[in-house]
Structure formats: C-alpha cells, structure tokens
Amino acid sequence: MIIAGEYSFNNGKEYIKKHYQKHLEEIIAVIRRINSGQHITKKSEEKTMPGKMLYNPKTLNLSFKKEFFNLGWQPVRIKCDYPREYYTNGYLPKKIQGAPFREMDYIKDELGVEVQFGKYAFMVYNVSAKMTIFRNLGHIVTGVEIVPIKQFADNMSTGVSYFEQFVWDLEQRGISNIDIPVLILGIDSTLNMKQKSLNLK
C-alpha cells in the first residue's frame, strides 16, 4: 500500500518527526508491506454494487496487526469504571454485562497508532476523544491515525469514511486546548495510484 495523503493536526507531523522519527519510519514500512491486492475478497451484497469484489477491512486489519506486532507494537486496553453517582434519584439500572473497556490498536514508547476502516464517527472519536483520554491516562503523548483515501474507500462497503472528509471537518472544527498532536495518514492501494513523495522522512 502507499501513503497518498497526510494531515498534520495540531502540529502532529512536526512533533512526531522530531521525537519519533524511527517509529514513523516503522509505520511507513508497515503500510508499504501491506499487499492490498490480496484483500479484494469481500463480495458485495449491496443493491448499489451487487456482486462487486471489494477490499475486506477485516483481513486488512489482520495484516496491519501482524506487521505492527512483528515490530514490537502492542495494543493497550483500559478498563472503564463507569460512575454511578450521576443517575437520577430512584433510578436503578441493570448491571452492565461484560467488562467495558477502551483499546488503542498499537502503542510503542508512548506513540499511539489507530488503523480505521470504519464509519466516520470512529475516525472523529479516535482523534478528538480516544487519543486525548489515553494521553490523560499516561499511555501516549502523540498519535498517528491511518485511514483510507476516498478512492480506496470507494472500493469498500458503503459507509466507510475517508481521509478527505475527515481532514475537511477537522480544519473546520479547529484545535482545542486539550487536543494532542496527531499525524493523519491517508492510504491507498498500489493498484490505484503511484507513490508520491510526501517528505515524511
């Protein structure tokens, strides 16, 4: 796969290049090792594209997981202890089943990475909430969000969001004083376009 776009949110690129250059090189290497052509395995059942073969986010995620694990990156899961004092008087909620948690895909030396092939809300949550939470809890100081370029997302199931929309919304939102530096990388298949020089090194 290739890096087709980059967006430095709250000076994320500058911060990561200064403090995590070696880690950034590992992230770039992971992306380049993914053979996207091996993941055109999902047959569409949607009315708008019946029978079309699409990229499979599940197997793509597994490939990213394997490559990151090989380089020593690990997921970090934190337990959510939900407060109970905010229920209104007299309200008795049922016990929440299971152990609620939040998890970051990969962390190494306080640099967090999220790979997102899901709906738009998950991309926004990762950068605007999850990464800040993990910073506040002492697990990361900065992060990288890896998302598909629209051209790549168009060959996945309907509803997968993409780099261009994500960046536009972040630019209109602006930066809050609680936001951490995040580098957002838009990726595409080598089948779609040639590698561009993005001056990441």
N, C-alpha and C. Protein backbone atom coordinates (compact mmCIF):
# COMPACT_ATOMS: atom_id res chain seq x y z
N MET A 1 0.84 -1.18 0.00
CA MET A 1 0.00 0.00 0.00
C MET A 1 0.88 1.24 0.00
N ILE A 2 0.28 2.38 -0.26
CA ILE A 2 1.03 3.62 -0.32
C ILE A 2 0.39 4.68 0.57
N ILE A 3 1.20 5.66 0.94
CA ILE A 3 0.70 6.84 1.64
C ILE A 3 0.36 7.87 0.57
N ALA A 4 -0.91 8.21 0.45
CA ALA A 4 -1.36 9.12 -0.60
C ALA A 4 -1.73 10.50 -0.06
N GLY A 5 -1.82 10.64 1.25
CA GLY A 5 -2.17 11.92 1.84
C GLY A 5 -1.68 12.00 3.27
N GLU A 6 -1.43 13.20 3.73
CA GLU A 6 -1.03 13.39 5.12
C GLU A 6 -1.60 14.71 5.62
N TYR A 7 -1.98 14.72 6.89
CA TYR A 7 -2.50 15.94 7.50
C TYR A 7 -1.94 16.05 8.91
N SER A 8 -1.31 17.18 9.18
CA SER A 8 -0.69 17.41 10.48
C SER A 8 -1.67 18.15 11.37
N PHE A 9 -2.35 17.41 12.25
CA PHE A 9 -3.32 18.01 13.17
C PHE A 9 -2.60 18.45 14.44
N ASN A 10 -2.74 19.71 14.77
CA ASN A 10 -2.09 20.26 15.96
C ASN A 10 -0.57 20.00 15.93
N ASN A 11 0.03 20.21 14.75
CA ASN A 11 1.47 20.03 14.56
C ASN A 11 1.93 18.60 14.80
N GLY A 12 1.04 17.63 14.49
CA GLY A 12 1.37 16.24 14.72
C GLY A 12 2.57 15.75 13.93
N LYS A 13 2.64 16.11 12.65
CA LYS A 13 3.77 15.65 11.82
C LYS A 13 5.08 16.19 12.37
N GLU A 14 5.10 17.48 12.67
CA GLU A 14 6.33 18.10 13.15
C GLU A 14 6.79 17.48 14.48
N TYR A 15 5.84 17.25 15.38
CA TYR A 15 6.17 16.68 16.69
C TYR A 15 6.71 15.25 16.53
N ILE A 16 6.04 14.46 15.70
CA ILE A 16 6.44 13.06 15.55
C ILE A 16 7.78 12.95 14.84
N LYS A 17 8.02 13.78 13.82
CA LYS A 17 9.31 13.74 13.14
C LYS A 17 10.45 14.14 14.08
N LYS A 18 10.17 15.05 15.01
CA LYS A 18 11.20 15.49 15.94
C LYS A 18 11.48 14.46 17.02
N HIS A 19 10.42 13.83 17.55
CA HIS A 19 10.57 12.96 18.72
C HIS A 19 10.46 11.47 18.40
N TYR A 20 9.89 11.12 17.25
CA TYR A 20 9.62 9.71 16.95
C TYR A 20 9.96 9.36 15.50
N GLN A 21 11.06 9.88 14.98
CA GLN A 21 11.40 9.64 13.58
C GLN A 21 11.54 8.14 13.27
N LYS A 22 12.22 7.41 14.14
CA LYS A 22 12.40 5.96 13.92
C LYS A 22 11.06 5.25 13.93
N HIS A 23 10.18 5.63 14.83
CA HIS A 23 8.86 5.00 14.89
C HIS A 23 8.05 5.32 13.65
N LEU A 24 8.17 6.56 13.16
CA LEU A 24 7.47 6.95 11.95
C LEU A 24 7.95 6.11 10.77
N GLU A 25 9.24 5.87 10.70
CA GLU A 25 9.78 5.03 9.63
C GLU A 25 9.21 3.62 9.71
N GLU A 26 9.02 3.11 10.92
CA GLU A 26 8.41 1.78 11.08
C GLU A 26 6.97 1.78 10.58
N ILE A 27 6.22 2.84 10.90
CA ILE A 27 4.83 2.94 10.46
C ILE A 27 4.76 2.98 8.93
N ILE A 28 5.63 3.76 8.32
CA ILE A 28 5.67 3.85 6.85
C ILE A 28 6.00 2.48 6.26
N ALA A 29 6.95 1.78 6.87
CA ALA A 29 7.34 0.46 6.39
C ALA A 29 6.18 -0.53 6.48
N VAL A 30 5.42 -0.47 7.58
CA VAL A 30 4.26 -1.35 7.73
C VAL A 30 3.26 -1.12 6.61
N ILE A 31 2.94 0.14 6.34
CA ILE A 31 1.97 0.46 5.29
C ILE A 31 2.45 -0.08 3.96
N ARG A 32 3.72 0.09 3.65
CA ARG A 32 4.25 -0.34 2.36
C ARG A 32 4.30 -1.86 2.22
N ARG A 33 4.33 -2.56 3.36
CA ARG A 33 4.38 -4.03 3.30
C ARG A 33 3.02 -4.66 3.02
N ILE A 34 1.94 -3.91 3.24
CA ILE A 34 0.60 -4.48 3.06
C ILE A 34 0.30 -4.61 1.56
N ASN A 35 0.03 -5.82 1.13
CA ASN A 35 -0.33 -6.08 -0.26
C ASN A 35 -1.85 -6.01 -0.38
N SER A 36 -2.35 -4.83 -0.76
CA SER A 36 -3.80 -4.62 -0.79
C SER A 36 -4.51 -5.54 -1.77
N GLY A 37 -3.81 -5.95 -2.83
CA GLY A 37 -4.43 -6.82 -3.82
C GLY A 37 -4.86 -8.16 -3.25
N GLN A 38 -4.24 -8.58 -2.15
CA GLN A 38 -4.61 -9.85 -1.52
C GLN A 38 -5.90 -9.75 -0.71
N HIS A 39 -6.43 -8.54 -0.58
CA HIS A 39 -7.59 -8.33 0.29
C HIS A 39 -8.87 -7.96 -0.47
N ILE A 40 -8.87 -8.19 -1.77
CA ILE A 40 -10.09 -7.98 -2.56
C ILE A 40 -10.88 -9.29 -2.50
N THR A 41 -11.45 -9.56 -1.34
CA THR A 41 -12.05 -10.87 -1.08
C THR A 41 -13.51 -10.80 -0.62
N LYS A 42 -14.04 -9.60 -0.51
CA LYS A 42 -15.40 -9.44 0.00
C LYS A 42 -16.37 -9.21 -1.15
N LYS A 43 -17.31 -10.12 -1.32
CA LYS A 43 -18.30 -9.99 -2.40
C LYS A 43 -19.48 -9.15 -1.92
N SER A 44 -19.73 -8.06 -2.61
CA SER A 44 -20.78 -7.14 -2.18
C SER A 44 -22.16 -7.74 -2.35
N GLU A 45 -23.00 -7.52 -1.33
CA GLU A 45 -24.41 -7.89 -1.40
C GLU A 45 -25.29 -6.65 -1.39
N GLU A 46 -24.66 -5.48 -1.56
CA GLU A 46 -25.40 -4.22 -1.54
C GLU A 46 -26.09 -3.98 -2.88
N LYS A 47 -27.25 -3.34 -2.82
CA LYS A 47 -28.03 -3.10 -4.02
C LYS A 47 -27.31 -2.21 -5.03
N THR A 48 -26.47 -1.32 -4.52
CA THR A 48 -25.79 -0.38 -5.42
C THR A 48 -24.62 -1.00 -6.17
N MET A 49 -24.10 -2.12 -5.67
CA MET A 49 -22.97 -2.78 -6.35
C MET A 49 -23.00 -4.29 -6.12
N PRO A 50 -24.09 -4.96 -6.54
CA PRO A 50 -24.22 -6.39 -6.29
C PRO A 50 -23.14 -7.21 -7.00
N GLY A 51 -22.52 -8.09 -6.23
CA GLY A 51 -21.52 -9.00 -6.79
C GLY A 51 -20.13 -8.41 -6.96
N LYS A 52 -19.96 -7.12 -6.73
CA LYS A 52 -18.65 -6.50 -6.91
C LYS A 52 -17.69 -6.98 -5.82
N MET A 53 -16.47 -7.27 -6.22
CA MET A 53 -15.47 -7.68 -5.25
C MET A 53 -14.84 -6.43 -4.62
N LEU A 54 -14.82 -6.41 -3.29
CA LEU A 54 -14.38 -5.25 -2.54
C LEU A 54 -13.19 -5.60 -1.64
N TYR A 55 -12.50 -4.55 -1.20
CA TYR A 55 -11.45 -4.75 -0.19
C TYR A 55 -12.10 -5.14 1.12
N ASN A 56 -11.48 -6.06 1.82
CA ASN A 56 -12.03 -6.61 3.06
C ASN A 56 -11.33 -5.95 4.27
N PRO A 57 -12.03 -5.06 4.99
CA PRO A 57 -11.40 -4.38 6.14
C PRO A 57 -10.90 -5.34 7.21
N LYS A 58 -11.60 -6.47 7.41
CA LYS A 58 -11.19 -7.41 8.46
C LYS A 58 -9.82 -8.00 8.17
N THR A 59 -9.61 -8.44 6.93
CA THR A 59 -8.32 -9.05 6.62
C THR A 59 -7.23 -7.98 6.50
N LEU A 60 -7.59 -6.79 6.06
CA LEU A 60 -6.62 -5.69 6.05
C LEU A 60 -6.13 -5.40 7.47
N ASN A 61 -7.07 -5.34 8.41
CA ASN A 61 -6.69 -5.10 9.80
C ASN A 61 -5.80 -6.19 10.35
N LEU A 62 -6.06 -7.43 9.97
CA LEU A 62 -5.22 -8.54 10.42
C LEU A 62 -3.80 -8.42 9.89
N SER A 63 -3.67 -7.97 8.65
CA SER A 63 -2.34 -7.77 8.07
C SER A 63 -1.58 -6.66 8.80
N PHE A 64 -2.29 -5.55 9.09
CA PHE A 64 -1.65 -4.48 9.85
C PHE A 64 -1.23 -4.99 11.23
N LYS A 65 -2.09 -5.76 11.86
CA LYS A 65 -1.79 -6.29 13.19
C LYS A 65 -0.52 -7.14 13.16
N LYS A 66 -0.41 -8.01 12.17
CA LYS A 66 0.77 -8.87 12.07
C LYS A 66 2.03 -8.04 11.89
N GLU A 67 1.99 -7.06 11.00
CA GLU A 67 3.18 -6.25 10.73
C GLU A 67 3.58 -5.41 11.94
N PHE A 68 2.60 -4.80 12.60
CA PHE A 68 2.93 -3.99 13.78
C PHE A 68 3.46 -4.86 14.92
N PHE A 69 2.84 -6.01 15.13
CA PHE A 69 3.30 -6.91 16.20
C PHE A 69 4.74 -7.35 15.95
N ASN A 70 5.08 -7.60 14.69
CA ASN A 70 6.44 -8.03 14.36
C ASN A 70 7.49 -6.99 14.73
N LEU A 71 7.05 -5.72 14.82
CA LEU A 71 7.97 -4.63 15.17
C LEU A 71 7.85 -4.20 16.62
N GLY A 72 7.10 -4.96 17.40
CA GLY A 72 7.03 -4.70 18.84
C GLY A 72 5.94 -3.75 19.28
N TRP A 73 5.04 -3.37 18.37
CA TRP A 73 3.91 -2.54 18.76
C TRP A 73 2.83 -3.43 19.38
N GLN A 74 2.16 -2.91 20.41
CA GLN A 74 1.17 -3.71 21.12
C GLN A 74 -0.09 -2.89 21.40
N PRO A 75 -1.25 -3.56 21.44
CA PRO A 75 -2.48 -2.85 21.84
C PRO A 75 -2.46 -2.59 23.34
N VAL A 76 -3.15 -1.56 23.75
CA VAL A 76 -3.31 -1.27 25.18
C VAL A 76 -4.80 -1.11 25.46
N ARG A 77 -5.28 -1.86 26.44
CA ARG A 77 -6.70 -1.84 26.81
C ARG A 77 -6.84 -1.28 28.21
N ILE A 78 -7.77 -0.36 28.38
CA ILE A 78 -8.03 0.20 29.71
C ILE A 78 -9.47 -0.10 30.11
N LYS A 79 -9.64 -0.47 31.36
CA LYS A 79 -10.97 -0.78 31.87
C LYS A 79 -11.74 0.50 32.15
N CYS A 80 -13.01 0.50 31.81
CA CYS A 80 -13.87 1.65 32.08
C CYS A 80 -14.66 1.40 33.36
N ASP A 81 -14.37 2.13 34.40
CA ASP A 81 -15.14 2.06 35.64
C ASP A 81 -16.18 3.17 35.60
N TYR A 82 -17.37 2.84 35.14
CA TYR A 82 -18.40 3.86 34.95
C TYR A 82 -18.90 4.39 36.29
N PRO A 83 -18.98 5.70 36.43
CA PRO A 83 -19.52 6.28 37.67
C PRO A 83 -21.01 6.02 37.80
N ARG A 84 -21.47 5.88 39.02
CA ARG A 84 -22.88 5.60 39.26
C ARG A 84 -23.59 6.77 39.94
N GLU A 85 -22.83 7.77 40.35
CA GLU A 85 -23.44 8.85 41.13
C GLU A 85 -24.24 9.83 40.29
N TYR A 86 -24.23 9.65 38.98
CA TYR A 86 -24.94 10.61 38.13
C TYR A 86 -26.34 10.15 37.72
N TYR A 87 -26.73 8.98 38.16
CA TYR A 87 -28.11 8.54 37.91
C TYR A 87 -29.07 9.40 38.75
N THR A 88 -30.25 9.60 38.23
CA THR A 88 -31.24 10.36 38.99
C THR A 88 -31.76 9.53 40.15
N ASN A 89 -32.26 10.22 41.18
CA ASN A 89 -32.77 9.55 42.38
C ASN A 89 -33.87 8.56 42.01
N GLY A 90 -33.73 7.36 42.55
CA GLY A 90 -34.75 6.35 42.34
C GLY A 90 -34.52 5.47 41.12
N TYR A 91 -33.56 5.85 40.28
CA TYR A 91 -33.30 5.04 39.09
C TYR A 91 -32.32 3.93 39.43
N LEU A 92 -32.71 2.69 39.15
CA LEU A 92 -31.88 1.53 39.44
C LEU A 92 -31.54 0.82 38.13
N PRO A 93 -30.38 1.08 37.56
CA PRO A 93 -30.02 0.47 36.28
C PRO A 93 -29.66 -0.99 36.42
N LYS A 94 -29.84 -1.73 35.33
CA LYS A 94 -29.38 -3.11 35.32
C LYS A 94 -27.86 -3.13 35.29
N LYS A 95 -27.29 -4.20 35.79
CA LYS A 95 -25.84 -4.34 35.79
C LYS A 95 -25.35 -4.44 34.36
N ILE A 96 -24.30 -3.71 34.04
CA ILE A 96 -23.73 -3.77 32.70
C ILE A 96 -22.99 -5.08 32.54
N GLN A 97 -23.36 -5.81 31.50
CA GLN A 97 -22.75 -7.12 31.26
C GLN A 97 -21.36 -6.96 30.65
N GLY A 98 -20.47 -7.87 31.02
CA GLY A 98 -19.11 -7.83 30.49
C GLY A 98 -18.28 -6.75 31.16
N ALA A 99 -17.05 -6.65 30.75
CA ALA A 99 -16.13 -5.65 31.31
C ALA A 99 -15.91 -4.57 30.26
N PRO A 100 -16.57 -3.41 30.38
CA PRO A 100 -16.38 -2.35 29.39
C PRO A 100 -14.94 -1.85 29.38
N PHE A 101 -14.45 -1.54 28.19
CA PHE A 101 -13.07 -1.10 28.06
C PHE A 101 -12.91 -0.20 26.85
N ARG A 102 -11.79 0.48 26.79
CA ARG A 102 -11.34 1.21 25.61
C ARG A 102 -9.98 0.65 25.23
N GLU A 103 -9.72 0.55 23.93
CA GLU A 103 -8.46 -0.03 23.47
C GLU A 103 -7.87 0.79 22.34
N MET A 104 -6.56 0.97 22.38
CA MET A 104 -5.85 1.58 21.27
C MET A 104 -5.15 0.47 20.50
N ASP A 105 -5.20 0.57 19.16
CA ASP A 105 -4.69 -0.52 18.33
C ASP A 105 -3.24 -0.87 18.63
N TYR A 106 -2.36 0.15 18.61
CA TYR A 106 -0.93 -0.11 18.77
C TYR A 106 -0.27 1.06 19.52
N ILE A 107 0.59 0.71 20.47
CA ILE A 107 1.35 1.72 21.20
C ILE A 107 2.78 1.24 21.33
N LYS A 108 3.72 2.18 21.15
CA LYS A 108 5.13 1.88 21.36
C LYS A 108 5.81 3.15 21.84
N ASP A 109 6.39 3.09 23.02
CA ASP A 109 7.11 4.24 23.58
C ASP A 109 6.26 5.51 23.61
N GLU A 110 5.00 5.35 24.00
CA GLU A 110 4.06 6.46 24.16
C GLU A 110 3.64 7.12 22.85
N LEU A 111 3.82 6.41 21.75
CA LEU A 111 3.25 6.83 20.46
C LEU A 111 2.12 5.87 20.12
N GLY A 112 0.92 6.40 19.95
CA GLY A 112 -0.24 5.56 19.66
C GLY A 112 -0.57 5.56 18.18
N VAL A 113 -1.06 4.42 17.69
CA VAL A 113 -1.48 4.29 16.29
C VAL A 113 -2.86 3.65 16.23
N GLU A 114 -3.73 4.26 15.44
CA GLU A 114 -5.05 3.69 15.17
C GLU A 114 -5.18 3.47 13.67
N VAL A 115 -5.63 2.28 13.27
CA VAL A 115 -5.93 1.97 11.87
C VAL A 115 -7.45 1.88 11.76
N GLN A 116 -8.03 2.74 10.93
CA GLN A 116 -9.50 2.84 10.92
C GLN A 116 -10.07 2.69 9.51
N PHE A 117 -10.81 1.59 9.30
CA PHE A 117 -11.53 1.37 8.06
C PHE A 117 -13.04 1.34 8.31
N GLY A 118 -13.46 2.06 9.32
CA GLY A 118 -14.87 2.03 9.71
C GLY A 118 -15.61 3.30 9.35
N LYS A 119 -16.70 3.50 10.04
CA LYS A 119 -17.55 4.66 9.78
C LYS A 119 -16.90 5.93 10.30
N TYR A 120 -17.40 7.04 9.79
CA TYR A 120 -16.80 8.34 10.06
C TYR A 120 -16.71 8.64 11.56
N ALA A 121 -17.74 8.28 12.31
CA ALA A 121 -17.77 8.61 13.74
C ALA A 121 -16.56 8.03 14.48
N PHE A 122 -16.07 6.87 14.04
CA PHE A 122 -14.94 6.25 14.72
C PHE A 122 -13.66 7.05 14.48
N MET A 123 -13.51 7.60 13.28
CA MET A 123 -12.32 8.42 12.99
C MET A 123 -12.30 9.65 13.88
N VAL A 124 -13.43 10.33 13.95
CA VAL A 124 -13.52 11.54 14.77
C VAL A 124 -13.28 11.19 16.23
N TYR A 125 -13.88 10.11 16.70
CA TYR A 125 -13.70 9.71 18.10
C TYR A 125 -12.23 9.44 18.41
N ASN A 126 -11.54 8.74 17.50
CA ASN A 126 -10.14 8.39 17.76
C ASN A 126 -9.29 9.62 18.03
N VAL A 127 -9.41 10.64 17.18
CA VAL A 127 -8.55 11.82 17.28
C VAL A 127 -9.06 12.81 18.32
N SER A 128 -10.38 12.99 18.37
CA SER A 128 -10.93 14.04 19.24
C SER A 128 -11.21 13.57 20.66
N ALA A 129 -11.23 12.27 20.89
CA ALA A 129 -11.55 11.78 22.23
C ALA A 129 -10.58 10.69 22.71
N LYS A 130 -10.52 9.58 21.99
CA LYS A 130 -9.74 8.44 22.49
C LYS A 130 -8.27 8.79 22.74
N MET A 131 -7.65 9.47 21.77
CA MET A 131 -6.22 9.78 21.95
C MET A 131 -5.99 10.73 23.12
N THR A 132 -6.90 11.65 23.32
CA THR A 132 -6.78 12.55 24.47
C THR A 132 -6.94 11.78 25.77
N ILE A 133 -7.89 10.84 25.81
CA ILE A 133 -8.09 10.02 27.01
C ILE A 133 -6.85 9.20 27.32
N PHE A 134 -6.29 8.56 26.29
CA PHE A 134 -5.10 7.74 26.52
C PHE A 134 -3.90 8.60 26.92
N ARG A 135 -3.84 9.84 26.44
CA ARG A 135 -2.79 10.76 26.89
C ARG A 135 -3.01 11.11 28.36
N ASN A 136 -4.25 11.44 28.71
CA ASN A 136 -4.54 11.81 30.10
C ASN A 136 -4.24 10.69 31.08
N LEU A 137 -4.37 9.45 30.61
CA LEU A 137 -4.11 8.29 31.47
C LEU A 137 -2.65 7.83 31.42
N GLY A 138 -1.81 8.57 30.67
CA GLY A 138 -0.38 8.32 30.68
C GLY A 138 0.13 7.26 29.73
N HIS A 139 -0.70 6.87 28.75
CA HIS A 139 -0.27 5.81 27.82
C HIS A 139 0.40 6.35 26.56
N ILE A 140 0.01 7.54 26.10
CA ILE A 140 0.61 8.11 24.89
C ILE A 140 0.84 9.61 25.10
N VAL A 141 1.68 10.18 24.22
CA VAL A 141 1.84 11.64 24.20
C VAL A 141 1.43 12.21 22.85
N THR A 142 1.39 11.35 21.84
CA THR A 142 1.01 11.78 20.49
C THR A 142 0.50 10.56 19.73
N GLY A 143 -0.06 10.79 18.53
CA GLY A 143 -0.65 9.66 17.83
C GLY A 143 -0.61 9.79 16.32
N VAL A 144 -0.85 8.64 15.67
CA VAL A 144 -0.98 8.56 14.22
C VAL A 144 -2.28 7.84 13.90
N GLU A 145 -3.08 8.44 13.03
CA GLU A 145 -4.33 7.84 12.58
C GLU A 145 -4.18 7.46 11.10
N ILE A 146 -4.39 6.19 10.79
CA ILE A 146 -4.27 5.68 9.42
C ILE A 146 -5.67 5.40 8.88
N VAL A 147 -6.03 6.09 7.79
CA VAL A 147 -7.38 5.97 7.23
C VAL A 147 -7.29 5.87 5.70
N PRO A 148 -8.33 5.36 5.04
CA PRO A 148 -8.29 5.26 3.58
C PRO A 148 -8.56 6.59 2.88
N ILE A 149 -7.88 6.79 1.76
CA ILE A 149 -8.23 7.87 0.84
C ILE A 149 -9.58 7.52 0.22
N LYS A 150 -10.34 8.51 -0.24
CA LYS A 150 -11.67 8.24 -0.81
C LYS A 150 -11.62 7.21 -1.94
N GLN A 151 -10.62 7.32 -2.79
CA GLN A 151 -10.51 6.38 -3.90
C GLN A 151 -10.42 4.94 -3.42
N PHE A 152 -9.77 4.74 -2.27
CA PHE A 152 -9.66 3.41 -1.68
C PHE A 152 -10.97 3.02 -1.00
N ALA A 153 -11.55 3.96 -0.25
CA ALA A 153 -12.80 3.69 0.46
C ALA A 153 -13.94 3.37 -0.50
N ASP A 154 -13.90 3.94 -1.71
CA ASP A 154 -14.95 3.68 -2.70
C ASP A 154 -14.99 2.22 -3.12
N ASN A 155 -13.93 1.49 -2.85
CA ASN A 155 -13.88 0.07 -3.18
C ASN A 155 -14.02 -0.80 -1.94
N MET A 156 -14.67 -0.23 -0.92
CA MET A 156 -15.05 -0.98 0.27
C MET A 156 -16.57 -0.88 0.42
N SER A 157 -17.09 -1.48 1.46
CA SER A 157 -18.54 -1.42 1.69
C SER A 157 -19.00 0.00 1.91
N THR A 158 -20.25 0.27 1.60
CA THR A 158 -20.84 1.58 1.81
C THR A 158 -20.74 1.97 3.29
N GLY A 159 -20.39 3.22 3.54
CA GLY A 159 -20.33 3.70 4.92
C GLY A 159 -18.93 3.88 5.45
N VAL A 160 -17.92 3.32 4.76
CA VAL A 160 -16.55 3.52 5.20
C VAL A 160 -16.15 4.97 4.89
N SER A 161 -15.66 5.66 5.89
CA SER A 161 -15.31 7.06 5.70
C SER A 161 -13.89 7.18 5.15
N TYR A 162 -13.47 8.43 4.92
CA TYR A 162 -12.22 8.60 4.19
C TYR A 162 -11.50 9.89 4.60
N PHE A 163 -10.24 9.91 4.24
CA PHE A 163 -9.28 10.95 4.60
C PHE A 163 -9.77 12.36 4.27
N GLU A 164 -10.26 12.56 3.05
CA GLU A 164 -10.61 13.91 2.60
C GLU A 164 -11.70 14.54 3.47
N GLN A 165 -12.76 13.78 3.77
CA GLN A 165 -13.85 14.30 4.59
C GLN A 165 -13.38 14.54 6.02
N PHE A 166 -12.58 13.62 6.52
CA PHE A 166 -12.06 13.72 7.88
C PHE A 166 -11.22 14.99 8.05
N VAL A 167 -10.33 15.23 7.10
CA VAL A 167 -9.46 16.41 7.17
C VAL A 167 -10.28 17.69 7.06
N TRP A 168 -11.25 17.72 6.16
CA TRP A 168 -12.08 18.92 5.99
C TRP A 168 -12.78 19.26 7.30
N ASP A 169 -13.35 18.25 7.94
CA ASP A 169 -14.08 18.51 9.19
C ASP A 169 -13.14 18.97 10.30
N LEU A 170 -11.97 18.37 10.38
CA LEU A 170 -11.02 18.79 11.42
C LEU A 170 -10.58 20.24 11.19
N GLU A 171 -10.39 20.62 9.93
CA GLU A 171 -10.00 22.00 9.65
C GLU A 171 -11.10 22.98 10.04
N GLN A 172 -12.37 22.60 9.80
CA GLN A 172 -13.47 23.48 10.15
C GLN A 172 -13.69 23.51 11.67
N ARG A 173 -13.41 22.39 12.32
CA ARG A 173 -13.57 22.30 13.79
C ARG A 173 -12.54 23.18 14.49
N GLY A 174 -11.31 23.16 13.99
CA GLY A 174 -10.24 23.87 14.67
C GLY A 174 -9.61 23.02 15.76
N ILE A 175 -8.66 23.60 16.49
CA ILE A 175 -7.91 22.87 17.51
C ILE A 175 -8.33 23.35 18.89
N SER A 176 -8.58 22.39 19.77
CA SER A 176 -8.93 22.69 21.16
C SER A 176 -7.67 22.62 22.02
N ASN A 177 -7.73 23.24 23.18
CA ASN A 177 -6.56 23.23 24.06
C ASN A 177 -6.31 21.86 24.70
N ILE A 178 -7.22 20.91 24.50
CA ILE A 178 -6.99 19.56 25.03
C ILE A 178 -6.53 18.60 23.95
N ASP A 179 -6.50 19.02 22.68
CA ASP A 179 -6.10 18.14 21.59
C ASP A 179 -4.61 17.84 21.66
N ILE A 180 -4.25 16.59 21.32
CA ILE A 180 -2.85 16.23 21.25
C ILE A 180 -2.39 16.28 19.79
N PRO A 181 -1.08 16.34 19.55
CA PRO A 181 -0.59 16.32 18.16
C PRO A 181 -0.88 14.96 17.52
N VAL A 182 -1.45 14.98 16.32
CA VAL A 182 -1.78 13.74 15.61
C VAL A 182 -1.42 13.89 14.13
N LEU A 183 -0.74 12.90 13.60
CA LEU A 183 -0.46 12.84 12.17
C LEU A 183 -1.48 11.89 11.54
N ILE A 184 -2.24 12.39 10.58
CA ILE A 184 -3.25 11.58 9.90
C ILE A 184 -2.71 11.19 8.53
N LEU A 185 -2.64 9.89 8.28
CA LEU A 185 -2.13 9.37 7.02
C LEU A 185 -3.27 8.76 6.22
N GLY A 186 -3.42 9.22 4.98
CA GLY A 186 -4.40 8.65 4.07
C GLY A 186 -3.73 7.62 3.18
N ILE A 187 -4.23 6.41 3.17
CA ILE A 187 -3.57 5.33 2.41
C ILE A 187 -4.43 4.88 1.23
N ASP A 188 -3.75 4.34 0.23
CA ASP A 188 -4.43 3.84 -0.95
C ASP A 188 -3.73 2.57 -1.42
N SER A 189 -4.41 1.86 -2.30
CA SER A 189 -3.83 0.66 -2.89
C SER A 189 -2.84 1.04 -3.97
N THR A 190 -1.79 0.25 -4.10
CA THR A 190 -0.85 0.47 -5.19
C THR A 190 -1.51 0.22 -6.54
N LEU A 191 -2.67 -0.41 -6.54
CA LEU A 191 -3.40 -0.65 -7.78
C LEU A 191 -4.06 0.62 -8.29
N ASN A 192 -4.21 1.62 -7.41
CA ASN A 192 -4.94 2.84 -7.76
C ASN A 192 -4.06 4.00 -8.18
N MET A 193 -2.88 4.11 -7.60
CA MET A 193 -2.05 5.26 -7.94
C MET A 193 -0.60 4.99 -7.61
N LYS A 194 0.28 5.79 -8.17
CA LYS A 194 1.70 5.66 -7.90
C LYS A 194 2.06 6.39 -6.62
N GLN A 195 3.11 5.90 -5.98
CA GLN A 195 3.59 6.54 -4.74
C GLN A 195 4.02 7.98 -5.02
N LYS A 196 3.57 8.87 -4.15
CA LYS A 196 4.01 10.26 -4.23
C LYS A 196 5.04 10.52 -3.13
N SER A 197 5.93 11.44 -3.40
CA SER A 197 6.90 11.82 -2.39
C SER A 197 6.26 12.81 -1.45
N LEU A 198 6.08 12.39 -0.17
CA LEU A 198 5.38 13.23 0.80
C LEU A 198 6.33 13.82 1.83
N ASN A 199 7.63 13.62 1.63
CA ASN A 199 8.61 14.23 2.52
C ASN A 199 8.39 13.81 3.97
N LEU A 200 8.01 12.54 4.18
CA LEU A 200 7.80 12.06 5.54
C LEU A 200 9.13 11.73 6.22
N LYS A 201 10.17 11.50 5.45
CA LYS A 201 11.46 11.16 6.06
C LYS A 201 12.34 12.40 6.13
